[in-house]
Amino acid sequence: MAPLEIILARHGQTAANAEGRLQGSGLNPPLNERGERQAAALGAALKDGRLDWIVASAMERAIQTADAVAKHHAEAARHSDARLNEISWGELDGVKFGEARPRLSAVVQRWTTGDFDARVAGGESANDGKARVLAAFADILRTARERQYRRIILCIHGRIMRVMMAALVDKDLGKMDKYTHTNCCYNVIRAEVDDSAPGTDPDEVDFVPVRLDVRDHLAAVRAD
């Protein structure tokens, strides 16, 4: 058994973030100027110590954030996986929070009471997000074990990060909303990966939180 350190980082700010719009997988904007500075600050914060693998969702904002990290880790392998994309908010994608809040809050409230199949019309449920995230994570763990990676980073999104943390650490989606975040914050979790195991099921691996919602590197770049 060898420890695997996993850094889960949220992408930098986009124009949609700045405008207060709900930004699910239906929107694919690039980072804005502030988001680029946030991503640069994240990269600088993580420049010390080896990174074996830099993984991003398939969305431009996450890939650009991963690019900023990779500037300090030229030797790191790179990978992109659409299963790590932000959850789809369906008909609410791109809608300003003030307008979206009543319908969004109704769905999130149902999630907190255990109805993880609830969804916005045309969007994904929490269970949908969990299923694809765990499938991606099984492959990530398998690759890390085969290549003997010891430290990796995933550049992802706010809600899907909450889904991932609750599913991996707590094994309970009802804990999603205890995980706070902001643009380019990061969490660090540790897993014990069996190098001799034929497969790696995330449900059978203990993930231990090491640092949560780290954002001190953003002091010079206000995070929204």
C-alpha atoms as a PDB file:
ATOM      1  CA  MET A   1       0.000   0.000   0.000  1.00  0.00           C
ATOM      2  CA  ALA A   2       1.351   3.414  -0.963  1.00  0.00           C
ATOM      3  CA  PRO A   3      -0.180   6.832  -0.317  1.00  0.00           C
ATOM      4  CA  LEU A   4      -1.521   8.814  -3.240  1.00  0.00           C
ATOM      5  CA  GLU A   5      -1.952  12.555  -2.709  1.00  0.00           C
ATOM      6  CA  ILE A   6      -4.793  14.000  -4.753  1.00  0.00           C
ATOM      7  CA  ILE A   7      -5.278  17.747  -5.178  1.00  0.00           C
ATOM      8  CA  LEU A   8      -8.755  18.812  -6.269  1.00  0.00           C
ATOM      9  CA  ALA A   9      -8.669  22.364  -7.618  1.00  0.00           C
ATOM     10  CA  ARG A  10     -11.508  24.508  -8.894  1.00  0.00           C
ATOM     11  CA  HIS A  11     -10.967  26.452 -12.120  1.00  0.00           C
ATOM     12  CA  GLY A  12     -10.358  30.196 -12.282  1.00  0.00           C
ATOM     13  CA  GLN A  13     -13.030  32.815 -12.817  1.00  0.00           C
ATOM     14  CA  THR A  14     -14.866  33.257 -16.121  1.00  0.00           C
ATOM     15  CA  ALA A  15     -17.061  36.087 -17.387  1.00  0.00           C
ATOM     16  CA  ALA A  16     -20.118  33.994 -16.463  1.00  0.00           C
ATOM     17  CA  ASN A  17     -18.831  33.703 -12.881  1.00  0.00           C
ATOM     18  CA  ALA A  18     -18.235  37.435 -12.729  1.00  0.00           C
ATOM     19  CA  GLU A  19     -21.742  38.124 -14.056  1.00  0.00           C
ATOM     20  CA  GLY A  20     -23.326  35.845 -11.451  1.00  0.00           C
ATOM     21  CA  ARG A  21     -24.579  33.286 -13.944  1.00  0.00           C
ATOM     22  CA  LEU A  22     -25.131  29.610 -13.192  1.00  0.00           C
ATOM     23  CA  GLN A  23     -22.346  27.859 -15.067  1.00  0.00           C
ATOM     24  CA  GLY A  24     -22.857  24.166 -15.633  1.00  0.00           C
ATOM     25  CA  SER A  25     -21.611  21.931 -18.401  1.00  0.00           C
ATOM     26  CA  GLY A  26     -23.812  23.769 -20.877  1.00  0.00           C
ATOM     27  CA  LEU A  27     -21.468  26.775 -20.794  1.00  0.00           C
ATOM     28  CA  ASN A  28     -17.849  26.551 -21.913  1.00  0.00           C
ATOM     29  CA  PRO A  29     -16.284  30.019 -21.576  1.00  0.00           C
ATOM     30  CA  PRO A  30     -12.554  30.649 -21.139  1.00  0.00           C
ATOM     31  CA  LEU A  31     -11.019  32.238 -18.078  1.00  0.00           C
ATOM     32  CA  ASN A  32     -11.315  35.990 -17.843  1.00  0.00           C
ATOM     33  CA  GLU A  33      -8.379  38.205 -16.851  1.00  0.00           C
ATOM     34  CA  ARG A  34      -8.957  37.678 -13.133  1.00  0.00           C
ATOM     35  CA  GLY A  35      -9.336  33.940 -13.696  1.00  0.00           C
ATOM     36  CA  GLU A  36      -5.983  33.855 -15.455  1.00  0.00           C
ATOM     37  CA  ARG A  37      -4.371  35.584 -12.465  1.00  0.00           C
ATOM     38  CA  GLN A  38      -6.077  33.173 -10.081  1.00  0.00           C
ATOM     39  CA  ALA A  39      -4.820  30.205 -12.109  1.00  0.00           C
ATOM     40  CA  ALA A  40      -1.303  31.662 -12.121  1.00  0.00           C
ATOM     41  CA  ALA A  41      -1.495  32.031  -8.331  1.00  0.00           C
ATOM     42  CA  LEU A  42      -2.624  28.413  -8.009  1.00  0.00           C
ATOM     43  CA  GLY A  43       0.248  27.255 -10.198  1.00  0.00           C
ATOM     44  CA  ALA A  44       2.751  29.244  -8.135  1.00  0.00           C
ATOM     45  CA  ALA A  45       1.320  27.817  -4.894  1.00  0.00           C
ATOM     46  CA  LEU A  46       1.810  24.264  -6.165  1.00  0.00           C
ATOM     47  CA  LYS A  47       5.184  24.707  -7.842  1.00  0.00           C
ATOM     48  CA  ASP A  48       7.166  23.010  -5.086  1.00  0.00           C
ATOM     49  CA  GLY A  49       7.199  19.232  -4.955  1.00  0.00           C
ATOM     50  CA  ARG A  50       6.747  16.830  -7.814  1.00  0.00           C
ATOM     51  CA  LEU A  51       3.417  16.494  -9.593  1.00  0.00           C
ATOM     52  CA  ASP A  52       3.172  13.244 -11.533  1.00  0.00           C
ATOM     53  CA  TRP A  53      -0.104  13.833 -13.352  1.00  0.00           C
ATOM     54  CA  ILE A  54      -2.230  16.859 -14.217  1.00  0.00           C
ATOM     55  CA  VAL A  55      -5.819  15.967 -15.042  1.00  0.00           C
ATOM     56  CA  ALA A  56      -8.557  18.364 -16.133  1.00  0.00           C
ATOM     57  CA  SER A  57     -12.147  18.139 -17.194  1.00  0.00           C
ATOM     58  CA  ALA A  58     -12.777  18.650 -20.913  1.00  0.00           C
ATOM     59  CA  MET A  59     -14.017  22.213 -20.335  1.00  0.00           C
ATOM     60  CA  GLU A  60     -11.886  25.155 -21.414  1.00  0.00           C
ATOM     61  CA  ARG A  61     -11.838  26.881 -18.026  1.00  0.00           C
ATOM     62  CA  ALA A  62     -10.486  23.760 -16.323  1.00  0.00           C
ATOM     63  CA  ILE A  63      -7.939  23.039 -19.056  1.00  0.00           C
ATOM     64  CA  GLN A  64      -6.621  26.614 -18.887  1.00  0.00           C
ATOM     65  CA  THR A  65      -6.288  26.291 -15.119  1.00  0.00           C
ATOM     66  CA  ALA A  66      -4.380  23.027 -15.581  1.00  0.00           C
ATOM     67  CA  ASP A  67      -2.136  24.778 -18.109  1.00  0.00           C
ATOM     68  CA  ALA A  68      -1.145  27.314 -15.448  1.00  0.00           C
ATOM     69  CA  VAL A  69      -0.197  24.506 -13.061  1.00  0.00           C
ATOM     70  CA  ALA A  70       1.698  22.647 -15.800  1.00  0.00           C
ATOM     71  CA  LYS A  71       3.981  25.652 -16.392  1.00  0.00           C
ATOM     72  CA  HIS A  72       5.757  24.648 -13.179  1.00  0.00           C
ATOM     73  CA  HIS A  73       5.732  20.895 -13.878  1.00  0.00           C
ATOM     74  CA  ALA A  74       6.998  20.265 -17.386  1.00  0.00           C
ATOM     75  CA  GLU A  75       7.649  16.602 -16.582  1.00  0.00           C
ATOM     76  CA  ALA A  76       4.077  15.866 -15.476  1.00  0.00           C
ATOM     77  CA  ALA A  77       1.794  13.764 -17.658  1.00  0.00           C
ATOM     78  CA  ARG A  78      -1.404  15.468 -18.877  1.00  0.00           C
ATOM     79  CA  HIS A  79      -4.931  14.114 -19.313  1.00  0.00           C
ATOM     80  CA  SER A  80      -8.439  15.455 -19.953  1.00  0.00           C
ATOM     81  CA  ASP A  81     -11.657  13.605 -19.075  1.00  0.00           C
ATOM     82  CA  ALA A  82     -15.171  14.822 -19.902  1.00  0.00           C
ATOM     83  CA  ARG A  83     -16.539  12.740 -17.016  1.00  0.00           C
ATOM     84  CA  LEU A  84     -15.069  15.427 -14.739  1.00  0.00           C
ATOM     85  CA  ASN A  85     -17.086  18.203 -16.403  1.00  0.00           C
ATOM     86  CA  GLU A  86     -19.330  20.383 -14.273  1.00  0.00           C
ATOM     87  CA  ILE A  87     -22.815  19.102 -13.571  1.00  0.00           C
ATOM     88  CA  SER A  88     -25.415  20.153 -16.137  1.00  0.00           C
ATOM     89  CA  TRP A  89     -27.960  22.628 -14.821  1.00  0.00           C
ATOM     90  CA  GLY A  90     -30.161  22.070 -17.864  1.00  0.00           C
ATOM     91  CA  GLU A  91     -32.470  24.953 -18.627  1.00  0.00           C
ATOM     92  CA  LEU A  92     -30.815  27.042 -15.882  1.00  0.00           C
ATOM     93  CA  ASP A  93     -27.341  27.006 -17.426  1.00  0.00           C
ATOM     94  CA  GLY A  94     -26.385  30.610 -18.118  1.00  0.00           C
ATOM     95  CA  VAL A  95     -29.261  32.070 -16.088  1.00  0.00           C
ATOM     96  CA  LYS A  96     -28.381  34.689 -13.457  1.00  0.00           C
ATOM     97  CA  PHE A  97     -28.482  33.357  -9.896  1.00  0.00           C
ATOM     98  CA  GLY A  98     -31.218  35.730  -8.801  1.00  0.00           C
ATOM     99  CA  GLU A  99     -33.556  34.371 -11.441  1.00  0.00           C
ATOM    100  CA  ALA A 100     -32.394  30.770 -11.107  1.00  0.00           C
ATOM    101  CA  ARG A 101     -32.410  30.628  -7.301  1.00  0.00           C
ATOM    102  CA  PRO A 102     -36.010  29.449  -6.668  1.00  0.00           C
ATOM    103  CA  ARG A 103     -35.764  26.440  -8.994  1.00  0.00           C
ATOM    104  CA  LEU A 104     -32.120  25.726  -8.156  1.00  0.00           C
ATOM    105  CA  SER A 105     -32.711  25.909  -4.401  1.00  0.00           C
ATOM    106  CA  ALA A 106     -35.645  23.525  -4.674  1.00  0.00           C
ATOM    107  CA  VAL A 107     -33.428  20.891  -6.302  1.00  0.00           C
ATOM    108  CA  VAL A 108     -30.509  21.400  -3.908  1.00  0.00           C
ATOM    109  CA  GLN A 109     -32.899  21.173  -0.945  1.00  0.00           C
ATOM    110  CA  ARG A 110     -34.159  17.819  -2.217  1.00  0.00           C
ATOM    111  CA  TRP A 111     -30.553  16.644  -2.424  1.00  0.00           C
ATOM    112  CA  THR A 112     -29.967  17.605   1.213  1.00  0.00           C
ATOM    113  CA  THR A 113     -32.932  15.439   2.219  1.00  0.00           C
ATOM    114  CA  GLY A 114     -31.669  12.418   0.287  1.00  0.00           C
ATOM    115  CA  ASP A 115     -33.468  12.733  -3.054  1.00  0.00           C
ATOM    116  CA  PHE A 116     -30.334  12.550  -5.175  1.00  0.00           C
ATOM    117  CA  ASP A 117     -32.312  11.857  -8.349  1.00  0.00           C
ATOM    118  CA  ALA A 118     -33.844  15.347  -8.282  1.00  0.00           C
ATOM    119  CA  ARG A 119     -32.750  17.564 -11.164  1.00  0.00           C
ATOM    120  CA  VAL A 120     -33.413  20.816 -12.958  1.00  0.00           C
ATOM    121  CA  ALA A 121     -35.359  20.235 -16.163  1.00  0.00           C
ATOM    122  CA  GLY A 122     -32.931  19.076 -18.844  1.00  0.00           C
ATOM    123  CA  GLY A 123     -30.066  18.773 -16.356  1.00  0.00           C
ATOM    124  CA  GLU A 124     -28.281  16.143 -14.291  1.00  0.00           C
ATOM    125  CA  SER A 125     -29.094  14.803 -10.868  1.00  0.00           C
ATOM    126  CA  ALA A 126     -26.546  14.432  -8.077  1.00  0.00           C
ATOM    127  CA  ASN A 127     -26.602  10.691  -8.715  1.00  0.00           C
ATOM    128  CA  ASP A 128     -25.806  11.295 -12.388  1.00  0.00           C
ATOM    129  CA  GLY A 129     -22.811  13.387 -11.406  1.00  0.00           C
ATOM    130  CA  LYS A 130     -21.672  10.837  -8.841  1.00  0.00           C
ATOM    131  CA  ALA A 131     -21.875   7.952 -11.327  1.00  0.00           C
ATOM    132  CA  ARG A 132     -19.633   9.568 -13.915  1.00  0.00           C
ATOM    133  CA  VAL A 133     -17.211  11.008 -11.350  1.00  0.00           C
ATOM    134  CA  LEU A 134     -16.710   7.618  -9.669  1.00  0.00           C
ATOM    135  CA  ALA A 135     -16.249   5.931 -13.047  1.00  0.00           C
ATOM    136  CA  ALA A 136     -13.596   8.505 -13.927  1.00  0.00           C
ATOM    137  CA  PHE A 137     -11.974   8.158 -10.512  1.00  0.00           C
ATOM    138  CA  ALA A 138     -11.734   4.376 -10.818  1.00  0.00           C
ATOM    139  CA  ASP A 139      -9.732   4.854 -14.023  1.00  0.00           C
ATOM    140  CA  ILE A 140      -7.633   7.608 -12.433  1.00  0.00           C
ATOM    141  CA  LEU A 141      -6.766   5.400  -9.463  1.00  0.00           C
ATOM    142  CA  ARG A 142      -5.999   2.463 -11.732  1.00  0.00           C
ATOM    143  CA  THR A 143      -3.649   4.559 -13.866  1.00  0.00           C
ATOM    144  CA  ALA A 144      -1.971   6.072 -10.805  1.00  0.00           C
ATOM    145  CA  ARG A 145      -1.383   2.596  -9.406  1.00  0.00           C
ATOM    146  CA  GLU A 146      -0.026   1.200 -12.688  1.00  0.00           C
ATOM    147  CA  ARG A 147       2.316   4.154 -13.252  1.00  0.00           C
ATOM    148  CA  GLN A 148       3.187   4.461  -9.562  1.00  0.00           C
ATOM    149  CA  TYR A 149       2.129   8.077  -9.383  1.00  0.00           C
ATOM    150  CA  ARG A 150       2.233   9.550  -5.895  1.00  0.00           C
ATOM    151  CA  ARG A 151       0.900  13.107  -6.357  1.00  0.00           C
ATOM    152  CA  ILE A 152      -1.710  14.233  -8.873  1.00  0.00           C
ATOM    153  CA  ILE A 153      -4.020  17.187  -9.416  1.00  0.00           C
ATOM    154  CA  LEU A 154      -7.521  17.344 -10.861  1.00  0.00           C
ATOM    155  CA  CYS A 155      -8.657  20.730 -12.189  1.00  0.00           C
ATOM    156  CA  ILE A 156     -12.429  20.630 -12.022  1.00  0.00           C
ATOM    157  CA  HIS A 157     -15.570  22.566 -11.060  1.00  0.00           C
ATOM    158  CA  GLY A 158     -17.457  23.743  -7.992  1.00  0.00           C
ATOM    159  CA  ARG A 159     -20.508  21.485  -7.787  1.00  0.00           C
ATOM    160  CA  ILE A 160     -18.777  18.442  -9.191  1.00  0.00           C
ATOM    161  CA  MET A 161     -16.012  18.982  -6.601  1.00  0.00           C
ATOM    162  CA  ARG A 162     -18.659  18.884  -3.880  1.00  0.00           C
ATOM    163  CA  VAL A 163     -20.086  15.686  -5.366  1.00  0.00           C
ATOM    164  CA  MET A 164     -16.621  14.162  -5.542  1.00  0.00           C
ATOM    165  CA  MET A 165     -15.612  15.083  -1.993  1.00  0.00           C
ATOM    166  CA  ALA A 166     -18.873  13.786  -0.525  1.00  0.00           C
ATOM    167  CA  ALA A 167     -18.736  10.573  -2.559  1.00  0.00           C
ATOM    168  CA  LEU A 168     -15.062   9.846  -1.862  1.00  0.00           C
ATOM    169  CA  VAL A 169     -14.475  11.124   1.675  1.00  0.00           C
ATOM    170  CA  ASP A 170     -17.906  10.778   3.294  1.00  0.00           C
ATOM    171  CA  LYS A 171     -19.440   8.089   1.048  1.00  0.00           C
ATOM    172  CA  ASP A 172     -22.595  10.185   1.417  1.00  0.00           C
ATOM    173  CA  LEU A 173     -23.875  12.719  -1.117  1.00  0.00           C
ATOM    174  CA  GLY A 174     -25.873  14.362   1.637  1.00  0.00           C
ATOM    175  CA  LYS A 175     -22.602  15.912   2.843  1.00  0.00           C
ATOM    176  CA  MET A 176     -21.988  17.824  -0.405  1.00  0.00           C
ATOM    177  CA  ASP A 177     -22.711  21.301   0.799  1.00  0.00           C
ATOM    178  CA  LYS A 178     -20.317  21.207   3.738  1.00  0.00           C
ATOM    179  CA  TYR A 179     -17.508  21.578   1.191  1.00  0.00           C
ATOM    180  CA  THR A 180     -17.076  25.271   0.499  1.00  0.00           C
ATOM    181  CA  HIS A 181     -15.105  26.560  -2.461  1.00  0.00           C
ATOM    182  CA  THR A 182     -14.137  29.564  -4.530  1.00  0.00           C
ATOM    183  CA  ASN A 183     -12.379  30.011  -7.863  1.00  0.00           C
ATOM    184  CA  CYS A 184      -8.928  28.363  -7.787  1.00  0.00           C
ATOM    185  CA  CYS A 185      -9.181  27.086  -4.233  1.00  0.00           C
ATOM    186  CA  TYR A 186      -8.048  23.511  -3.703  1.00  0.00           C
ATOM    187  CA  ASN A 187      -8.548  20.505  -1.452  1.00  0.00           C
ATOM    188  CA  VAL A 188      -5.974  17.839  -0.678  1.00  0.00           C
ATOM    189  CA  ILE A 189      -7.007  14.271   0.070  1.00  0.00           C
ATOM    190  CA  ARG A 190      -4.911  11.151   0.578  1.00  0.00           C
ATOM    191  CA  ALA A 191      -5.711   7.619  -0.515  1.00  0.00           C
ATOM    192  CA  GLU A 192      -3.975   4.346   0.192  1.00  0.00           C
ATOM    193  CA  VAL A 193      -3.662   2.631  -3.185  1.00  0.00           C
ATOM    194  CA  ASP A 194      -2.792  -1.074  -3.317  1.00  0.00           C
ATOM    195  CA  ASP A 195      -0.136  -1.450  -6.018  1.00  0.00           C
ATOM    196  CA  SER A 196      -0.864  -5.183  -6.307  1.00  0.00           C
ATOM    197  CA  ALA A 197      -4.671  -4.942  -6.552  1.00  0.00           C
ATOM    198  CA  PRO A 198      -6.279  -6.001  -9.870  1.00  0.00           C
ATOM    199  CA  GLY A 199      -8.713  -3.074  -9.772  1.00  0.00           C
ATOM    200  CA  THR A 200      -9.511  -0.021  -7.692  1.00  0.00           C
ATOM    201  CA  ASP A 201     -13.086   0.772  -6.721  1.00  0.00           C
ATOM    202  CA  PRO A 202     -13.321   4.254  -5.173  1.00  0.00           C
ATOM    203  CA  ASP A 203     -16.118   2.989  -2.903  1.00  0.00           C
ATOM    204  CA  GLU A 204     -13.625   0.586  -1.338  1.00  0.00           C
ATOM    205  CA  VAL A 205     -10.808   3.099  -0.834  1.00  0.00           C
ATOM    206  CA  ASP A 206     -10.479   5.324   2.218  1.00  0.00           C
ATOM    207  CA  PHE A 207      -9.898   8.955   1.280  1.00  0.00           C
ATOM    208  CA  VAL A 208      -8.585  11.120   4.109  1.00  0.00           C
ATOM    209  CA  PRO A 209      -8.901  14.906   3.939  1.00  0.00           C
ATOM    210  CA  VAL A 210      -5.570  16.647   4.475  1.00  0.00           C
ATOM    211  CA  ARG A 211      -6.365  20.288   3.633  1.00  0.00           C
ATOM    212  CA  LEU A 212      -9.730  21.761   2.685  1.00  0.00           C
ATOM    213  CA  ASP A 213     -10.706  24.879   0.756  1.00  0.00           C
ATOM    214  CA  VAL A 214      -7.158  26.245   0.623  1.00  0.00           C
ATOM    215  CA  ARG A 215      -7.271  29.807  -0.692  1.00  0.00           C
ATOM    216  CA  ASP A 216      -4.496  31.745   1.040  1.00  0.00           C
ATOM    217  CA  HIS A 217      -2.570  31.832  -2.259  1.00  0.00           C
ATOM    218  CA  LEU A 218      -5.383  34.017  -3.626  1.00  0.00           C
ATOM    219  CA  ALA A 219      -4.849  36.843  -1.142  1.00  0.00           C
ATOM    220  CA  ALA A 220      -3.479  39.115  -3.845  1.00  0.00           C
ATOM    221  CA  VAL A 221      -6.180  38.122  -6.325  1.00  0.00           C
ATOM    222  CA  ARG A 222      -9.660  38.533  -4.905  1.00  0.00           C
ATOM    223  CA  ALA A 223     -11.602  35.307  -5.549  1.00  0.00           C
ATOM    224  CA  ASP A 224     -15.305  35.556  -6.318  1.00  0.00           C
END
